[in-house]
PDB file of N, CA and C in Angstrom:
ATOM      1  N   MET A   1       7.816   3.489  29.868  1.00  0.00           N
ATOM      2  CA  MET A   1       7.914   4.240  28.640  1.00  0.00           C
ATOM      3  C   MET A   1       7.502   5.684  28.909  1.00  0.00           C
ATOM      4  N   GLN A   2       8.206   6.598  28.294  1.00  0.00           N
ATOM      5  CA  GLN A   2       7.897   8.012  28.474  1.00  0.00           C
ATOM      6  C   GLN A   2       6.604   8.364  27.739  1.00  0.00           C
ATOM      7  N   PRO A   3       5.828   9.293  28.305  1.00  0.00           N
ATOM      8  CA  PRO A   3       4.580   9.678  27.635  1.00  0.00           C
ATOM      9  C   PRO A   3       4.822  10.465  26.352  1.00  0.00           C
ATOM     10  N   GLU A   4       6.003  11.089  26.227  1.00  0.00           N
ATOM     11  CA  GLU A   4       6.291  11.895  25.052  1.00  0.00           C
ATOM     12  C   GLU A   4       7.758  11.733  24.675  1.00  0.00           C
ATOM     13  N   TYR A   5       8.028  11.595  23.397  1.00  0.00           N
ATOM     14  CA  TYR A   5       9.402  11.439  22.910  1.00  0.00           C
ATOM     15  C   TYR A   5       9.740  12.571  21.960  1.00  0.00           C
ATOM     16  N   ASP A   6      10.983  13.018  21.987  1.00  0.00           N
ATOM     17  CA  ASP A   6      11.449  14.054  21.075  1.00  0.00           C
ATOM     18  C   ASP A   6      12.164  13.364  19.907  1.00  0.00           C
ATOM     19  N   LEU A   7      11.494  13.303  18.775  1.00  0.00           N
ATOM     20  CA  LEU A   7      12.046  12.623  17.601  1.00  0.00           C
ATOM     21  C   LEU A   7      12.770  13.574  16.653  1.00  0.00           C
ATOM     22  N   THR A   8      12.891  14.831  17.015  1.00  0.00           N
ATOM     23  CA  THR A   8      13.535  15.805  16.133  1.00  0.00           C
ATOM     24  C   THR A   8      15.028  15.549  15.982  1.00  0.00           C
ATOM     25  N   LYS A   9      15.637  14.921  16.968  1.00  0.00           N
ATOM     26  CA  LYS A   9      17.074  14.643  16.916  1.00  0.00           C
ATOM     27  C   LYS A   9      17.390  13.274  16.330  1.00  0.00           C
ATOM     28  N   MET A  10      16.369  12.527  16.007  1.00  0.00           N
ATOM     29  CA  MET A  10      16.555  11.184  15.477  1.00  0.00           C
ATOM     30  C   MET A  10      17.004  11.246  14.021  1.00  0.00           C
ATOM     31  N   LYS A  11      18.007  10.464  13.674  1.00  0.00           N
ATOM     32  CA  LYS A  11      18.487  10.413  12.292  1.00  0.00           C
ATOM     33  C   LYS A  11      17.641   9.418  11.511  1.00  0.00           C
ATOM     34  N   SER A  12      17.258   9.806  10.301  1.00  0.00           N
ATOM     35  CA  SER A  12      16.489   8.889   9.467  1.00  0.00           C
ATOM     36  C   SER A  12      17.441   8.066   8.610  1.00  0.00           C
ATOM     37  N   ARG A  13      17.000   6.902   8.246  1.00  0.00           N
ATOM     38  CA  ARG A  13      17.794   6.051   7.360  1.00  0.00           C
ATOM     39  C   ARG A  13      16.830   5.259   6.487  1.00  0.00           C
ATOM     40  N   PRO A  14      17.233   4.930   5.277  1.00  0.00           N
ATOM     41  CA  PRO A  14      16.345   4.207   4.369  1.00  0.00           C
ATOM     42  C   PRO A  14      16.106   2.776   4.848  1.00  0.00           C
ATOM     43  N   ASN A  15      14.940   2.276   4.532  1.00  0.00           N
ATOM     44  CA  ASN A  15      14.594   0.909   4.874  1.00  0.00           C
ATOM     45  C   ASN A  15      15.349  -0.043   3.940  1.00  0.00           C
ATOM     46  N   PRO A  16      16.206  -0.912   4.461  1.00  0.00           N
ATOM     47  CA  PRO A  16      16.979  -1.809   3.591  1.00  0.00           C
ATOM     48  C   PRO A  16      16.111  -2.869   2.921  1.00  0.00           C
ATOM     49  N   TYR A  17      14.910  -3.077   3.421  1.00  0.00           N
ATOM     50  CA  TYR A  17      14.033  -4.102   2.868  1.00  0.00           C
ATOM     51  C   TYR A  17      12.963  -3.541   1.935  1.00  0.00           C
ATOM     52  N   ALA A  18      12.971  -2.245   1.699  1.00  0.00           N
ATOM     53  CA  ALA A  18      11.923  -1.602   0.914  1.00  0.00           C
ATOM     54  C   ALA A  18      11.810  -2.181  -0.496  1.00  0.00           C
ATOM     55  N   LYS A  19      12.920  -2.495  -1.118  1.00  0.00           N
ATOM     56  CA  LYS A  19      12.870  -3.030  -2.483  1.00  0.00           C
ATOM     57  C   LYS A  19      12.280  -4.429  -2.515  1.00  0.00           C
ATOM     58  N   LYS A  20      12.334  -5.144  -1.410  1.00  0.00           N
ATOM     59  CA  LYS A  20      11.823  -6.511  -1.356  1.00  0.00           C
ATOM     60  C   LYS A  20      10.337  -6.573  -0.994  1.00  0.00           C
ATOM     61  N   LEU A  21       9.745  -5.438  -0.630  1.00  0.00           N
ATOM     62  CA  LEU A  21       8.366  -5.435  -0.175  1.00  0.00           C
ATOM     63  C   LEU A  21       7.369  -5.648  -1.302  1.00  0.00           C
ATOM     64  N   LYS A  22       7.619  -5.064  -2.445  1.00  0.00           N
ATOM     65  CA  LYS A  22       6.699  -5.186  -3.575  1.00  0.00           C
ATOM     66  C   LYS A  22       7.482  -5.391  -4.862  1.00  0.00           C
ATOM     67  N   GLN A  23       6.832  -6.065  -5.788  1.00  0.00           N
ATOM     68  CA  GLN A  23       7.428  -6.278  -7.095  1.00  0.00           C
ATOM     69  C   GLN A  23       6.382  -5.931  -8.136  1.00  0.00           C
ATOM     70  N   GLN A  24       6.767  -5.122  -9.102  1.00  0.00           N
ATOM     71  CA  GLN A  24       5.849  -4.716 -10.144  1.00  0.00           C
ATOM     72  C   GLN A  24       5.684  -5.849 -11.147  1.00  0.00           C
ATOM     73  N   VAL A  25       4.419  -6.153 -11.467  1.00  0.00           N
ATOM     74  CA  VAL A  25       4.113  -7.178 -12.457  1.00  0.00           C
ATOM     75  C   VAL A  25       3.064  -6.634 -13.412  1.00  0.00           C
ATOM     76  N   SER A  26       3.030  -7.205 -14.588  1.00  0.00           N
ATOM     77  CA  SER A  26       2.011  -6.853 -15.559  1.00  0.00           C
ATOM     78  C   SER A  26       1.033  -8.021 -15.619  1.00  0.00           C
ATOM     79  N   LEU A  27      -0.244  -7.723 -15.454  1.00  0.00           N
ATOM     80  CA  LEU A  27      -1.254  -8.768 -15.372  1.00  0.00           C
ATOM     81  C   LEU A  27      -2.482  -8.326 -16.145  1.00  0.00           C
ATOM     82  N   SER A  28      -2.901  -9.132 -17.083  1.00  0.00           N
ATOM     83  CA  SER A  28      -4.109  -8.813 -17.852  1.00  0.00           C
ATOM     84  C   SER A  28      -5.322  -9.387 -17.132  1.00  0.00           C
ATOM     85  N   LEU A  29      -6.290  -8.519 -16.831  1.00  0.00           N
ATOM     86  CA  LEU A  29      -7.516  -8.931 -16.165  1.00  0.00           C
ATOM     87  C   LEU A  29      -8.698  -8.547 -17.038  1.00  0.00           C
ATOM     88  N   GLY A  30      -9.748  -9.327 -16.942  1.00  0.00           N
ATOM     89  CA  GLY A  30     -10.963  -9.032 -17.693  1.00  0.00           C
ATOM     90  C   GLY A  30     -11.651  -7.786 -17.155  1.00  0.00           C
ATOM     91  N   ASN A  31     -12.453  -7.148 -18.005  1.00  0.00           N
ATOM     92  CA  ASN A  31     -13.166  -5.939 -17.604  1.00  0.00           C
ATOM     93  C   ASN A  31     -14.080  -6.195 -16.410  1.00  0.00           C
ATOM     94  N   GLU A  32     -14.708  -7.377 -16.377  1.00  0.00           N
ATOM     95  CA  GLU A  32     -15.607  -7.704 -15.268  1.00  0.00           C
ATOM     96  C   GLU A  32     -14.849  -7.774 -13.950  1.00  0.00           C
ATOM     97  N   VAL A  33     -13.642  -8.296 -13.988  1.00  0.00           N
ATOM     98  CA  VAL A  33     -12.820  -8.420 -12.781  1.00  0.00           C
ATOM     99  C   VAL A  33     -12.433  -7.036 -12.272  1.00  0.00           C
ATOM    100  N   ILE A  34     -11.997  -6.175 -13.185  1.00  0.00           N
ATOM    101  CA  ILE A  34     -11.616  -4.812 -12.815  1.00  0.00           C
ATOM    102  C   ILE A  34     -12.817  -4.070 -12.228  1.00  0.00           C
ATOM    103  N   GLU A  35     -13.965  -4.182 -12.885  1.00  0.00           N
ATOM    104  CA  GLU A  35     -15.172  -3.504 -12.409  1.00  0.00           C
ATOM    105  C   GLU A  35     -15.576  -4.018 -11.022  1.00  0.00           C
ATOM    106  N   TYR A  36     -15.451  -5.322 -10.799  1.00  0.00           N
ATOM    107  CA  TYR A  36     -15.774  -5.907  -9.492  1.00  0.00           C
ATOM    108  C   TYR A  36     -14.897  -5.295  -8.402  1.00  0.00           C
ATOM    109  N   PHE A  37     -13.585  -5.268  -8.630  1.00  0.00           N
ATOM    110  CA  PHE A  37     -12.672  -4.735  -7.627  1.00  0.00           C
ATOM    111  C   PHE A  37     -12.840  -3.223  -7.446  1.00  0.00           C
ATOM    112  N   GLU A  38     -13.142  -2.513  -8.523  1.00  0.00           N
ATOM    113  CA  GLU A  38     -13.392  -1.075  -8.401  1.00  0.00           C
ATOM    114  C   GLU A  38     -14.619  -0.811  -7.535  1.00  0.00           C
ATOM    115  N   LYS A  39     -15.678  -1.619  -7.723  1.00  0.00           N
ATOM    116  CA  LYS A  39     -16.902  -1.453  -6.933  1.00  0.00           C
ATOM    117  C   LYS A  39     -16.631  -1.752  -5.463  1.00  0.00           C
ATOM    118  N   LYS A  40     -15.956  -2.856  -5.186  1.00  0.00           N
ATOM    119  CA  LYS A  40     -15.642  -3.226  -3.795  1.00  0.00           C
ATOM    120  C   LYS A  40     -14.718  -2.193  -3.137  1.00  0.00           C
ATOM    121  N   ALA A  41     -13.759  -1.709  -3.893  1.00  0.00           N
ATOM    122  CA  ALA A  41     -12.821  -0.722  -3.359  1.00  0.00           C
ATOM    123  C   ALA A  41     -13.538   0.589  -3.061  1.00  0.00           C
ATOM    124  N   GLN A  42     -14.480   0.965  -3.908  1.00  0.00           N
ATOM    125  CA  GLN A  42     -15.237   2.197  -3.695  1.00  0.00           C
ATOM    126  C   GLN A  42     -16.061   2.091  -2.406  1.00  0.00           C
ATOM    127  N   GLU A  43     -16.612   0.904  -2.139  1.00  0.00           N
ATOM    128  CA  GLU A  43     -17.369   0.683  -0.902  1.00  0.00           C
ATOM    129  C   GLU A  43     -16.479   0.852   0.328  1.00  0.00           C
ATOM    130  N   LYS A  44     -15.227   0.432   0.210  1.00  0.00           N
ATOM    131  CA  LYS A  44     -14.291   0.515   1.329  1.00  0.00           C
ATOM    132  C   LYS A  44     -13.546   1.850   1.380  1.00  0.00           C
ATOM    133  N   GLY A  45     -13.637   2.648   0.308  1.00  0.00           N
ATOM    134  CA  GLY A  45     -12.982   3.950   0.275  1.00  0.00           C
ATOM    135  C   GLY A  45     -11.489   3.871  -0.009  1.00  0.00           C
ATOM    136  N   ILE A  46     -11.081   2.856  -0.765  1.00  0.00           N
ATOM    137  CA  ILE A  46      -9.675   2.710  -1.146  1.00  0.00           C
ATOM    138  C   ILE A  46      -9.597   2.489  -2.649  1.00  0.00           C
ATOM    139  N   CYS A  47      -8.389   2.538  -3.220  1.00  0.00           N
ATOM    140  CA  CYS A  47      -8.250   2.285  -4.653  1.00  0.00           C
ATOM    141  C   CYS A  47      -8.259   0.777  -4.905  1.00  0.00           C
ATOM    142  N   TYR A  48      -8.671   0.387  -6.098  1.00  0.00           N
ATOM    143  CA  TYR A  48      -8.807  -1.038  -6.373  1.00  0.00           C
ATOM    144  C   TYR A  48      -7.471  -1.767  -6.377  1.00  0.00           C
ATOM    145  N   GLN A  49      -6.388  -1.075  -6.732  1.00  0.00           N
ATOM    146  CA  GLN A  49      -5.076  -1.716  -6.694  1.00  0.00           C
ATOM    147  C   GLN A  49      -4.694  -2.102  -5.267  1.00  0.00           C
ATOM    148  N   GLU A  50      -5.044  -1.236  -4.342  1.00  0.00           N
ATOM    149  CA  GLU A  50      -4.752  -1.519  -2.927  1.00  0.00           C
ATOM    150  C   GLU A  50      -5.601  -2.694  -2.444  1.00  0.00           C
ATOM    151  N   LEU A  51      -6.837  -2.772  -2.910  1.00  0.00           N
ATOM    152  CA  LEU A  51      -7.706  -3.879  -2.533  1.00  0.00           C
ATOM    153  C   LEU A  51      -7.158  -5.198  -3.074  1.00  0.00           C
ATOM    154  N   ILE A  52      -6.703  -5.208  -4.303  1.00  0.00           N
ATOM    155  CA  ILE A  52      -6.135  -6.413  -4.888  1.00  0.00           C
ATOM    156  C   ILE A  52      -4.873  -6.812  -4.162  1.00  0.00           C
ATOM    157  N   ASP A  53      -4.072  -5.822  -3.773  1.00  0.00           N
ATOM    158  CA  ASP A  53      -2.842  -6.078  -3.031  1.00  0.00           C
ATOM    159  C   ASP A  53      -3.174  -6.691  -1.678  1.00  0.00           C
TER     160      ASP A  53
END
């Protein structure tokens, strides 16, 4: 493998599977659950939605 690659000439294309990666849902959670995940996410330095994901 080469130590350095020139990616400036590479053509980009959309990911055909991107729409299948996530699906938006509506979910009702209790305040205690949200607060728990917010606290844990803050400890890890990420948003609580990402932690739940």
